[in-house]
Protein backbone atom coordinates (compact mmCIF):
# COMPACT_ATOMS: atom_id res chain seq x y z
CA MET A 1 -2.14 11.22 -6.78
CA ARG A 2 0.07 9.95 -9.57
CA ASP A 3 2.51 8.47 -7.03
CA VAL A 4 -0.29 6.34 -5.60
CA LYS A 5 -1.21 5.04 -9.05
CA ASP A 6 2.44 4.28 -9.82
CA ALA A 7 2.80 2.42 -6.52
CA ALA A 8 -0.36 0.43 -7.20
CA GLU A 9 0.85 -0.47 -10.68
CA ARG A 10 4.25 -1.53 -9.33
CA GLU A 11 2.57 -3.67 -6.69
CA LYS A 12 0.34 -5.38 -9.28
CA LEU A 13 3.42 -6.25 -11.31
CA ALA A 14 5.20 -7.54 -8.22
CA GLN A 15 2.17 -9.66 -7.32
CA ALA A 16 2.14 -11.22 -10.76
CA GLU A 17 5.86 -11.96 -10.55
CA ARG A 18 5.56 -13.60 -7.14
CA ALA A 19 2.54 -15.64 -8.19
CA GLU A 20 4.46 -16.99 -11.16
CA GLN A 21 7.42 -18.14 -9.08
CA PHE A 22 6.12 -21.68 -8.86
CA THR A 23 3.36 -23.84 -10.25
CA VAL A 24 1.36 -26.43 -8.36
CA GLU A 25 0.33 -29.70 -9.95
CA GLY A 26 -1.03 -32.91 -8.54
CA ASP A 27 -3.57 -33.97 -5.98
CA GLU A 28 -1.37 -35.16 -3.13
CA ALA A 29 -1.53 -33.51 0.28
CA ILE A 30 1.79 -31.75 -0.35
CA ASP A 31 0.41 -30.35 -3.62
CA GLU A 32 -2.61 -28.95 -1.77
CA LEU A 33 -0.30 -27.44 0.82
CA ALA A 34 1.81 -25.83 -1.92
CA GLY A 35 -1.35 -24.45 -3.52
CA GLY A 36 -2.44 -22.97 -0.19
CA ILE A 37 0.96 -21.39 0.31
CA LYS A 38 0.86 -19.93 -3.18
CA LYS A 39 -2.57 -18.40 -2.50
CA MET A 40 -1.41 -17.10 0.87
CA LEU A 41 1.58 -15.37 -0.76
CA ALA A 42 -0.66 -13.79 -3.38
CA ASP A 43 -3.08 -12.59 -0.68
CA LEU A 44 -0.23 -11.22 1.43
CA SER A 45 1.13 -9.41 -1.58
CA GLY A 46 -2.27 -7.79 -2.06
CA VAL A 47 -2.38 -6.68 1.57
CA ILE A 48 1.10 -5.20 1.27
CA GLY A 49 -0.04 -3.32 -1.82
CA HIS A 50 -3.03 -1.88 0.04
CA VAL A 51 -0.89 -0.85 3.01
CA THR A 52 1.62 0.82 0.70
CA GLU A 53 -1.13 2.69 -1.11
CA SER A 54 -2.75 3.79 2.17
CA ALA A 55 0.58 5.01 3.53
CA GLU A 56 1.18 7.08 0.42
CA GLN A 57 -2.32 8.57 0.61
CA LEU A 58 -1.78 9.41 4.29
CA ASP A 59 1.52 11.08 3.47
CA ALA A 60 -0.10 13.12 0.70
CA GLY A 61 -2.85 14.20 3.10
CA HIS A 62 -0.29 15.20 5.70
CA GLN A 63 1.63 17.26 3.16
CA ALA A 64 -1.58 19.01 2.10
CA TYR A 65 -2.41 19.75 5.75
CA ARG A 66 1.04 21.28 6.30
CA ILE A 67 0.59 23.55 3.28
CA ILE A 68 -2.91 24.62 4.28
CA PHE A 69 -1.91 25.17 7.92
CA HIS A 70 0.81 27.61 6.92
CA LEU A 71 -1.65 29.53 4.71
CA LEU A 72 -3.97 30.15 7.67
CA PRO A 73 -3.86 33.51 9.43
CA PRO A 74 -1.79 33.37 12.65
CA GLU A 75 -4.87 33.58 14.89
CA GLU A 76 -6.35 30.51 13.16
CA GLN A 77 -3.06 28.62 13.42
CA LYS A 78 -3.19 29.05 17.20
CA LYS A 79 -6.57 27.25 17.26
CA LYS A 80 -5.29 24.27 15.28
CA SER A 81 -2.72 21.60 15.98
CA PRO A 82 0.51 22.38 14.18
CA PRO A 83 1.53 19.78 11.62
CA ALA A 84 4.21 17.33 12.64
CA GLU A 85 7.42 17.62 10.71
């Protein structure tokens, strides 16, 4: 579980760094476009963070399943799907 927290913390830092890459000032159409792009990048960064966290949780669940599967008696293992390697 710690790995997930570390990944989430790293992603938050990365989001902050990307959001600070440029500032938007002014009220021209190009300024509004730049502001929209900045927001889009921040949103995309958030989505990437969620996907990363979900992938790590899925991996942890898979590892737990592999451990539990091998602790089952042989007759129970035959009833279950073996874990993928």
